[in-house]
Amino acid sequence: MKANSVDELLACLDLSQEERERHAELIQECLDREKKLILFQRQSEEGLRILADRIQSFGTTLEGVHRSLRQLQEPFGEVFLRRLPGSKLPRA
C-alpha cells in the first residue's frame, strides 16, 4: 500500500503510542518537511504559470513586430531603390 502523506504512512504503520513517542521528533521533522514541499510545489506552479503568461505575451509582441516589419519591407525597398545611383541599379 502506497502512502501519499506522512499521516497516511503513519496510519499504515499502525504504531503504538510508545513507538509514536519514541519517534515523535522524526515524525515532526517529516511533517514539517512535507509542509515545505507543499509550499515549494505551490510556488513552483505559480512560477510556471507566470512564466507561461510572459512567454505568451512575448510571443504576441514578436508577432506584432513581425507584422510591422513586413509592412515596412516594401516601402523601404522602394526608398532604397530610389536612392541608388543609376550605375548601381540592376538591369534586366
PDB file of N, CA and C in Angstrom:
ATOM      1  N   MET A   1       0.841  -1.185   0.000  1.00  0.00           N
ATOM      2  CA  MET A   1       0.000   0.000   0.000  1.00  0.00           C
ATOM      3  C   MET A   1       0.884   1.244   0.000  1.00  0.00           C
ATOM      4  N   LYS A   2       0.682   2.121  -0.946  1.00  0.00           N
ATOM      5  CA  LYS A   2       1.487   3.329  -1.070  1.00  0.00           C
ATOM      6  C   LYS A   2       0.824   4.482  -0.321  1.00  0.00           C
ATOM      7  N   ALA A   3       1.598   5.121   0.558  1.00  0.00           N
ATOM      8  CA  ALA A   3       1.089   6.272   1.298  1.00  0.00           C
ATOM      9  C   ALA A   3       1.499   7.543   0.574  1.00  0.00           C
ATOM     10  N   ASN A   4       0.586   8.515   0.492  1.00  0.00           N
ATOM     11  CA  ASN A   4       0.860   9.771  -0.190  1.00  0.00           C
ATOM     12  C   ASN A   4       1.265  10.886   0.754  1.00  0.00           C
ATOM     13  N   SER A   5       1.103  10.681   2.044  1.00  0.00           N
ATOM     14  CA  SER A   5       1.477  11.706   3.008  1.00  0.00           C
ATOM     15  C   SER A   5       2.016  11.040   4.261  1.00  0.00           C
ATOM     16  N   VAL A   6       2.607  11.854   5.107  1.00  0.00           N
ATOM     17  CA  VAL A   6       3.148  11.329   6.364  1.00  0.00           C
ATOM     18  C   VAL A   6       2.019  10.756   7.211  1.00  0.00           C
ATOM     19  N   ASP A   7       0.893  11.454   7.273  1.00  0.00           N
ATOM     20  CA  ASP A   7      -0.240  10.959   8.065  1.00  0.00           C
ATOM     21  C   ASP A   7      -0.741   9.614   7.539  1.00  0.00           C
ATOM     22  N   GLU A   8      -0.808   9.474   6.219  1.00  0.00           N
ATOM     23  CA  GLU A   8      -1.243   8.197   5.639  1.00  0.00           C
ATOM     24  C   GLU A   8      -0.243   7.086   5.959  1.00  0.00           C
ATOM     25  N   LEU A   9       1.035   7.426   5.890  1.00  0.00           N
ATOM     26  CA  LEU A   9       2.068   6.437   6.224  1.00  0.00           C
ATOM     27  C   LEU A   9       1.955   6.011   7.681  1.00  0.00           C
ATOM     28  N   LEU A  10       1.762   6.969   8.565  1.00  0.00           N
ATOM     29  CA  LEU A  10       1.620   6.644   9.992  1.00  0.00           C
ATOM     30  C   LEU A  10       0.397   5.762  10.221  1.00  0.00           C
ATOM     31  N   ALA A  11      -0.676   6.027   9.508  1.00  0.00           N
ATOM     32  CA  ALA A  11      -1.879   5.204   9.641  1.00  0.00           C
ATOM     33  C   ALA A  11      -1.602   3.777   9.166  1.00  0.00           C
ATOM     34  N   CYS A  12      -0.816   3.653   8.083  1.00  0.00           N
ATOM     35  CA  CYS A  12      -0.484   2.321   7.553  1.00  0.00           C
ATOM     36  C   CYS A  12       0.415   1.547   8.516  1.00  0.00           C
ATOM     37  N   LEU A  13       1.317   2.282   9.178  1.00  0.00           N
ATOM     38  CA  LEU A  13       2.271   1.624  10.078  1.00  0.00           C
ATOM     39  C   LEU A  13       1.617   1.161  11.372  1.00  0.00           C
ATOM     40  N   ASP A  14       0.540   1.832  11.748  1.00  0.00           N
ATOM     41  CA  ASP A  14      -0.194   1.474  12.964  1.00  0.00           C
ATOM     42  C   ASP A  14       0.753   1.363  14.160  1.00  0.00           C
ATOM     43  N   LEU A  15       1.471   2.460  14.431  1.00  0.00           N
ATOM     44  CA  LEU A  15       2.438   2.487  15.531  1.00  0.00           C
ATOM     45  C   LEU A  15       1.725   2.550  16.884  1.00  0.00           C
ATOM     46  N   SER A  16       2.356   1.933  17.848  1.00  0.00           N
ATOM     47  CA  SER A  16       1.830   2.030  19.213  1.00  0.00           C
ATOM     48  C   SER A  16       2.135   3.419  19.756  1.00  0.00           C
ATOM     49  N   GLN A  17       1.476   3.762  20.856  1.00  0.00           N
ATOM     50  CA  GLN A  17       1.706   5.072  21.468  1.00  0.00           C
ATOM     51  C   GLN A  17       3.170   5.219  21.875  1.00  0.00           C
ATOM     52  N   GLU A  18       3.746   4.149  22.386  1.00  0.00           N
ATOM     53  CA  GLU A  18       5.161   4.167  22.800  1.00  0.00           C
ATOM     54  C   GLU A  18       6.081   4.423  21.593  1.00  0.00           C
ATOM     55  N   GLU A  19       5.778   3.788  20.452  1.00  0.00           N
ATOM     56  CA  GLU A  19       6.581   3.989  19.240  1.00  0.00           C
ATOM     57  C   GLU A  19       6.417   5.414  18.717  1.00  0.00           C
ATOM     58  N   ARG A  20       5.220   5.923  18.792  1.00  0.00           N
ATOM     59  CA  ARG A  20       4.983   7.312  18.366  1.00  0.00           C
ATOM     60  C   ARG A  20       5.774   8.286  19.239  1.00  0.00           C
ATOM     61  N   GLU A  21       5.792   8.062  20.504  1.00  0.00           N
ATOM     62  CA  GLU A  21       6.532   8.932  21.426  1.00  0.00           C
ATOM     63  C   GLU A  21       8.033   8.831  21.172  1.00  0.00           C
ATOM     64  N   ARG A  22       8.497   7.614  20.939  1.00  0.00           N
ATOM     65  CA  ARG A  22       9.928   7.389  20.712  1.00  0.00           C
ATOM     66  C   ARG A  22      10.387   8.081  19.419  1.00  0.00           C
ATOM     67  N   HIS A  23       9.519   8.111  18.437  1.00  0.00           N
ATOM     68  CA  HIS A  23       9.874   8.687  17.129  1.00  0.00           C
ATOM     69  C   HIS A  23       9.207  10.038  16.880  1.00  0.00           C
ATOM     70  N   ALA A  24       8.743  10.682  17.916  1.00  0.00           N
ATOM     71  CA  ALA A  24       7.999  11.940  17.788  1.00  0.00           C
ATOM     72  C   ALA A  24       8.814  13.007  17.058  1.00  0.00           C
ATOM     73  N   GLU A  25      10.084  13.115  17.393  1.00  0.00           N
ATOM     74  CA  GLU A  25      10.928  14.140  16.755  1.00  0.00           C
ATOM     75  C   GLU A  25      11.057  13.882  15.252  1.00  0.00           C
ATOM     76  N   LEU A  26      11.290  12.641  14.881  1.00  0.00           N
ATOM     77  CA  LEU A  26      11.405  12.274  13.471  1.00  0.00           C
ATOM     78  C   LEU A  26      10.073  12.499  12.735  1.00  0.00           C
ATOM     79  N   ILE A  27       8.979  12.111  13.380  1.00  0.00           N
ATOM     80  CA  ILE A  27       7.662  12.295  12.775  1.00  0.00           C
ATOM     81  C   ILE A  27       7.398  13.779  12.546  1.00  0.00           C
ATOM     82  N   GLN A  28       7.714  14.613  13.546  1.00  0.00           N
ATOM     83  CA  GLN A  28       7.502  16.052  13.405  1.00  0.00           C
ATOM     84  C   GLN A  28       8.367  16.629  12.292  1.00  0.00           C
ATOM     85  N   GLU A  29       9.609  16.174  12.202  1.00  0.00           N
ATOM     86  CA  GLU A  29      10.500  16.637  11.126  1.00  0.00           C
ATOM     87  C   GLU A  29       9.923  16.279   9.758  1.00  0.00           C
ATOM     88  N   CYS A  30       9.388  15.077   9.637  1.00  0.00           N
ATOM     89  CA  CYS A  30       8.774  14.649   8.374  1.00  0.00           C
ATOM     90  C   CYS A  30       7.542  15.493   8.050  1.00  0.00           C
ATOM     91  N   LEU A  31       6.722  15.789   9.059  1.00  0.00           N
ATOM     92  CA  LEU A  31       5.542  16.625   8.840  1.00  0.00           C
ATOM     93  C   LEU A  31       5.944  18.037   8.403  1.00  0.00           C
ATOM     94  N   ASP A  32       6.981  18.581   9.038  1.00  0.00           N
ATOM     95  CA  ASP A  32       7.468  19.918   8.662  1.00  0.00           C
ATOM     96  C   ASP A  32       7.987  19.929   7.229  1.00  0.00           C
ATOM     97  N   ARG A  33       8.728  18.900   6.870  1.00  0.00           N
ATOM     98  CA  ARG A  33       9.258  18.823   5.505  1.00  0.00           C
ATOM     99  C   ARG A  33       8.132  18.658   4.479  1.00  0.00           C
ATOM    100  N   GLU A  34       7.136  17.908   4.843  1.00  0.00           N
ATOM    101  CA  GLU A  34       6.000  17.734   3.943  1.00  0.00           C
ATOM    102  C   GLU A  34       5.314  19.082   3.695  1.00  0.00           C
ATOM    103  N   LYS A  35       5.148  19.879   4.748  1.00  0.00           N
ATOM    104  CA  LYS A  35       4.553  21.209   4.589  1.00  0.00           C
ATOM    105  C   LYS A  35       5.414  22.079   3.676  1.00  0.00           C
ATOM    106  N   LYS A  36       6.733  22.007   3.854  1.00  0.00           N
ATOM    107  CA  LYS A  36       7.637  22.782   2.998  1.00  0.00           C
ATOM    108  C   LYS A  36       7.528  22.330   1.547  1.00  0.00           C
ATOM    109  N   LEU A  37       7.454  21.029   1.335  1.00  0.00           N
ATOM    110  CA  LEU A  37       7.326  20.510  -0.031  1.00  0.00           C
ATOM    111  C   LEU A  37       6.044  20.999  -0.695  1.00  0.00           C
ATOM    112  N   ILE A  38       4.959  21.017   0.054  1.00  0.00           N
ATOM    113  CA  ILE A  38       3.687  21.505  -0.489  1.00  0.00           C
ATOM    114  C   ILE A  38       3.810  22.980  -0.849  1.00  0.00           C
ATOM    115  N   LEU A  39       4.454  23.769   0.039  1.00  0.00           N
ATOM    116  CA  LEU A  39       4.665  25.189  -0.226  1.00  0.00           C
ATOM    117  C   LEU A  39       5.521  25.383  -1.473  1.00  0.00           C
ATOM    118  N   PHE A  40       6.625  24.634  -1.570  1.00  0.00           N
ATOM    119  CA  PHE A  40       7.514  24.751  -2.731  1.00  0.00           C
ATOM    120  C   PHE A  40       6.796  24.340  -4.015  1.00  0.00           C
ATOM    121  N   GLN A  41       5.946  23.330  -3.932  1.00  0.00           N
ATOM    122  CA  GLN A  41       5.188  22.892  -5.104  1.00  0.00           C
ATOM    123  C   GLN A  41       4.249  24.000  -5.570  1.00  0.00           C
ATOM    124  N   ARG A  42       3.561  24.639  -4.634  1.00  0.00           N
ATOM    125  CA  ARG A  42       2.665  25.737  -4.994  1.00  0.00           C
ATOM    126  C   ARG A  42       3.435  26.899  -5.602  1.00  0.00           C
ATOM    127  N   GLN A  43       4.591  27.228  -5.013  1.00  0.00           N
ATOM    128  CA  GLN A  43       5.409  28.312  -5.541  1.00  0.00           C
ATOM    129  C   GLN A  43       5.909  27.983  -6.950  1.00  0.00           C
ATOM    130  N   SER A  44       6.310  26.738  -7.162  1.00  0.00           N
ATOM    131  CA  SER A  44       6.774  26.319  -8.489  1.00  0.00           C
ATOM    132  C   SER A  44       5.654  26.407  -9.512  1.00  0.00           C
ATOM    133  N   GLU A  45       4.468  25.951  -9.137  1.00  0.00           N
ATOM    134  CA  GLU A  45       3.328  26.012 -10.050  1.00  0.00           C
ATOM    135  C   GLU A  45       2.988  27.460 -10.388  1.00  0.00           C
ATOM    136  N   GLU A  46       3.036  28.343  -9.391  1.00  0.00           N
ATOM    137  CA  GLU A  46       2.763  29.761  -9.630  1.00  0.00           C
ATOM    138  C   GLU A  46       3.835  30.363 -10.534  1.00  0.00           C
ATOM    139  N   GLY A  47       5.107  30.004 -10.277  1.00  0.00           N
ATOM    140  CA  GLY A  47       6.200  30.493 -11.121  1.00  0.00           C
ATOM    141  C   GLY A  47       6.047  30.031 -12.566  1.00  0.00           C
ATOM    142  N   LEU A  48       5.652  28.791 -12.750  1.00  0.00           N
ATOM    143  CA  LEU A  48       5.450  28.267 -14.102  1.00  0.00           C
ATOM    144  C   LEU A  48       4.280  28.958 -14.794  1.00  0.00           C
ATOM    145  N   ARG A  49       3.224  29.258 -14.032  1.00  0.00           N
ATOM    146  CA  ARG A  49       2.080  29.962 -14.610  1.00  0.00           C
ATOM    147  C   ARG A  49       2.491  31.367 -15.052  1.00  0.00           C
ATOM    148  N   ILE A  50       3.264  32.054 -14.215  1.00  0.00           N
ATOM    149  CA  ILE A  50       3.739  33.395 -14.558  1.00  0.00           C
ATOM    150  C   ILE A  50       4.652  33.322 -15.785  1.00  0.00           C
ATOM    151  N   LEU A  51       5.540  32.347 -15.813  1.00  0.00           N
ATOM    152  CA  LEU A  51       6.442  32.181 -16.957  1.00  0.00           C
ATOM    153  C   LEU A  51       5.655  31.925 -18.240  1.00  0.00           C
ATOM    154  N   ALA A  52       4.645  31.071 -18.165  1.00  0.00           N
ATOM    155  CA  ALA A  52       3.826  30.779 -19.348  1.00  0.00           C
ATOM    156  C   ALA A  52       3.109  32.041 -19.830  1.00  0.00           C
ATOM    157  N   ASP A  53       2.603  32.839 -18.886  1.00  0.00           N
ATOM    158  CA  ASP A  53       1.936  34.091 -19.263  1.00  0.00           C
ATOM    159  C   ASP A  53       2.913  35.042 -19.955  1.00  0.00           C
ATOM    160  N   ARG A  54       4.119  35.133 -19.421  1.00  0.00           N
ATOM    161  CA  ARG A  54       5.113  36.045 -20.003  1.00  0.00           C
ATOM    162  C   ARG A  54       5.593  35.562 -21.364  1.00  0.00           C
ATOM    163  N   ILE A  55       5.723  34.260 -21.526  1.00  0.00           N
ATOM    164  CA  ILE A  55       6.103  33.711 -22.832  1.00  0.00           C
ATOM    165  C   ILE A  55       5.001  33.999 -23.850  1.00  0.00           C
ATOM    166  N   GLN A  56       3.751  33.847 -23.430  1.00  0.00           N
ATOM    167  CA  GLN A  56       2.626  34.144 -24.317  1.00  0.00           C
ATOM    168  C   GLN A  56       2.657  35.613 -24.726  1.00  0.00           C
ATOM    169  N   SER A  57       2.899  36.486 -23.766  1.00  0.00           N
ATOM    170  CA  SER A  57       2.970  37.921 -24.043  1.00  0.00           C
ATOM    171  C   SER A  57       4.131  38.236 -24.977  1.00  0.00           C
ATOM    172  N   PHE A  58       5.262  37.606 -24.750  1.00  0.00           N
ATOM    173  CA  PHE A  58       6.437  37.803 -25.597  1.00  0.00           C
ATOM    174  C   PHE A  58       6.145  37.355 -27.026  1.00  0.00           C
ATOM    175  N   GLY A  59       5.479  36.215 -27.147  1.00  0.00           N
ATOM    176  CA  GLY A  59       5.116  35.717 -28.476  1.00  0.00           C
ATOM    177  C   GLY A  59       4.185  36.669 -29.205  1.00  0.00           C
ATOM    178  N   THR A  60       3.225  37.226 -28.492  1.00  0.00           N
ATOM    179  CA  THR A  60       2.302  38.192 -29.080  1.00  0.00           C
ATOM    180  C   THR A  60       3.059  39.436 -29.542  1.00  0.00           C
ATOM    181  N   THR A  61       4.000  39.885 -28.719  1.00  0.00           N
ATOM    182  CA  THR A  61       4.812  41.048 -29.075  1.00  0.00           C
ATOM    183  C   THR A  61       5.650  40.760 -30.319  1.00  0.00           C
ATOM    184  N   LEU A  62       6.251  39.586 -30.387  1.00  0.00           N
ATOM    185  CA  LEU A  62       7.053  39.218 -31.561  1.00  0.00           C
ATOM    186  C   LEU A  62       6.202  39.166 -32.822  1.00  0.00           C
ATOM    187  N   GLU A  63       4.991  38.659 -32.697  1.00  0.00           N
ATOM    188  CA  GLU A  63       4.102  38.627 -33.861  1.00  0.00           C
ATOM    189  C   GLU A  63       3.796  40.046 -34.338  1.00  0.00           C
ATOM    190  N   GLY A  64       3.588  40.963 -33.413  1.00  0.00           N
ATOM    191  CA  GLY A  64       3.336  42.355 -33.775  1.00  0.00           C
ATOM    192  C   GLY A  64       4.530  42.991 -34.459  1.00  0.00           C
ATOM    193  N   VAL A  65       5.723  42.717 -33.941  1.00  0.00           N
ATOM    194  CA  VAL A  65       6.946  43.243 -34.553  1.00  0.00           C
ATOM    195  C   VAL A  65       7.105  42.677 -35.964  1.00  0.00           C
ATOM    196  N   HIS A  66       6.836  41.393 -36.118  1.00  0.00           N
ATOM    197  CA  HIS A  66       6.953  40.752 -37.428  1.00  0.00           C
ATOM    198  C   HIS A  66       5.983  41.384 -38.430  1.00  0.00           C
ATOM    199  N   ARG A  67       4.744  41.610 -38.002  1.00  0.00           N
ATOM    200  CA  ARG A  67       3.759  42.256 -38.886  1.00  0.00           C
ATOM    201  C   ARG A  67       4.231  43.654 -39.284  1.00  0.00           C
ATOM    202  N   SER A  68       4.746  44.403 -38.309  1.00  0.00           N
ATOM    203  CA  SER A  68       5.218  45.765 -38.595  1.00  0.00           C
ATOM    204  C   SER A  68       6.385  45.753 -39.573  1.00  0.00           C
ATOM    205  N   LEU A  69       7.306  44.827 -39.389  1.00  0.00           N
ATOM    206  CA  LEU A  69       8.453  44.740 -40.298  1.00  0.00           C
ATOM    207  C   LEU A  69       8.021  44.360 -41.710  1.00  0.00           C
ATOM    208  N   ARG A  70       7.051  43.479 -41.813  1.00  0.00           N
ATOM    209  CA  ARG A  70       6.553  43.110 -43.146  1.00  0.00           C
ATOM    210  C   ARG A  70       5.891  44.298 -43.827  1.00  0.00           C
ATOM    211  N   GLN A  71       5.190  45.131 -43.056  1.00  0.00           N
ATOM    212  CA  GLN A  71       4.560  46.313 -43.633  1.00  0.00           C
ATOM    213  C   GLN A  71       5.600  47.325 -44.091  1.00  0.00           C
ATOM    214  N   LEU A  72       6.740  47.387 -43.424  1.00  0.00           N
ATOM    215  CA  LEU A  72       7.789  48.342 -43.778  1.00  0.00           C
ATOM    216  C   LEU A  72       8.681  47.846 -44.914  1.00  0.00           C
ATOM    217  N   GLN A  73       8.673  46.562 -45.162  1.00  0.00           N
ATOM    218  CA  GLN A  73       9.596  45.958 -46.129  1.00  0.00           C
ATOM    219  C   GLN A  73       9.448  46.555 -47.526  1.00  0.00           C
ATOM    220  N   GLU A  74       8.237  46.622 -48.048  1.00  0.00           N
ATOM    221  CA  GLU A  74       8.041  47.123 -49.410  1.00  0.00           C
ATOM    222  C   GLU A  74       8.374  48.614 -49.531  1.00  0.00           C
ATOM    223  N   PRO A  75       7.851  49.478 -48.646  1.00  0.00           N
ATOM    224  CA  PRO A  75       8.216  50.897 -48.754  1.00  0.00           C
ATOM    225  C   PRO A  75       9.722  51.121 -48.603  1.00  0.00           C
ATOM    226  N   PHE A  76      10.363  50.363 -47.736  1.00  0.00           N
ATOM    227  CA  PHE A  76      11.802  50.516 -47.564  1.00  0.00           C
ATOM    228  C   PHE A  76      12.539  50.131 -48.836  1.00  0.00           C
ATOM    229  N   GLY A  77      12.097  49.062 -49.494  1.00  0.00           N
ATOM    230  CA  GLY A  77      12.718  48.642 -50.748  1.00  0.00           C
ATOM    231  C   GLY A  77      12.604  49.718 -51.818  1.00  0.00           C
ATOM    232  N   GLU A  78      11.445  50.359 -51.884  1.00  0.00           N
ATOM    233  CA  GLU A  78      11.254  51.436 -52.863  1.00  0.00           C
ATOM    234  C   GLU A  78      12.187  52.610 -52.574  1.00  0.00           C
ATOM    235  N   VAL A  79      12.269  52.997 -51.302  1.00  0.00           N
ATOM    236  CA  VAL A  79      13.154  54.102 -50.921  1.00  0.00           C
ATOM    237  C   VAL A  79      14.596  53.733 -51.238  1.00  0.00           C
ATOM    238  N   PHE A  80      14.978  52.535 -50.961  1.00  0.00           N
ATOM    239  CA  PHE A  80      16.344  52.079 -51.216  1.00  0.00           C
ATOM    240  C   PHE A  80      16.670  52.159 -52.710  1.00  0.00           C
ATOM    241  N   LEU A  81      15.753  51.666 -53.541  1.00  0.00           N
ATOM    242  CA  LEU A  81      15.988  51.691 -54.988  1.00  0.00           C
ATOM    243  C   LEU A  81      16.045  53.119 -55.527  1.00  0.00           C
ATOM    244  N   ARG A  82      15.226  53.995 -55.006  1.00  0.00           N
ATOM    245  CA  ARG A  82      15.243  55.392 -55.455  1.00  0.00           C
ATOM    246  C   ARG A  82      16.537  56.106 -55.078  1.00  0.00           C
ATOM    247  N   ARG A  83      17.146  55.697 -53.999  1.00  0.00           N
ATOM    248  CA  ARG A  83      18.367  56.356 -53.543  1.00  0.00           C
ATOM    249  C   ARG A  83      19.624  55.803 -54.210  1.00  0.00           C
ATOM    250  N   LEU A  84      19.506  54.687 -54.884  1.00  0.00           N
ATOM    251  CA  LEU A  84      20.675  54.104 -55.559  1.00  0.00           C
ATOM    252  C   LEU A  84      21.055  54.970 -56.751  1.00  0.00           C
ATOM    253  N   PRO A  85      22.349  55.145 -56.958  1.00  0.00           N
ATOM    254  CA  PRO A  85      22.784  55.838 -58.167  1.00  0.00           C
ATOM    255  C   PRO A  85      22.425  54.989 -59.400  1.00  0.00           C
ATOM    256  N   GLY A  86      22.217  55.655 -60.510  1.00  0.00           N
ATOM    257  CA  GLY A  86      21.824  54.974 -61.745  1.00  0.00           C
ATOM    258  C   GLY A  86      22.767  53.851 -62.138  1.00  0.00           C
ATOM    259  N   SER A  87      24.053  54.031 -61.864  1.00  0.00           N
ATOM    260  CA  SER A  87      25.019  52.994 -62.236  1.00  0.00           C
ATOM    261  C   SER A  87      24.889  51.713 -61.394  1.00  0.00           C
ATOM    262  N   LYS A  88      24.273  51.828 -60.262  1.00  0.00           N
ATOM    263  CA  LYS A  88      24.116  50.669 -59.364  1.00  0.00           C
ATOM    264  C   LYS A  88      22.773  49.962 -59.523  1.00  0.00           C
ATOM    265  N   LEU A  89      21.857  50.539 -60.302  1.00  0.00           N
ATOM    266  CA  LEU A  89      20.545  49.931 -60.482  1.00  0.00           C
ATOM    267  C   LEU A  89      20.673  48.643 -61.268  1.00  0.00           C
ATOM    268  N   PRO A  90      19.980  47.617 -60.821  1.00  0.00           N
ATOM    269  CA  PRO A  90      20.018  46.361 -61.577  1.00  0.00           C
ATOM    270  C   PRO A  90      19.305  46.523 -62.918  1.00  0.00           C
ATOM    271  N   ARG A  91      19.855  45.901 -63.938  1.00  0.00           N
ATOM    272  CA  ARG A  91      19.273  45.963 -65.282  1.00  0.00           C
ATOM    273  C   ARG A  91      18.739  44.583 -65.644  1.00  0.00           C
ATOM    274  N   ALA A  92      17.636  44.577 -66.323  1.00  0.00           N
ATOM    275  CA  ALA A  92      17.053  43.289 -66.744  1.00  0.00           C
ATOM    276  C   ALA A  92      17.397  42.991 -68.181  1.00  0.00           C
TER     277      ALA A  92
END
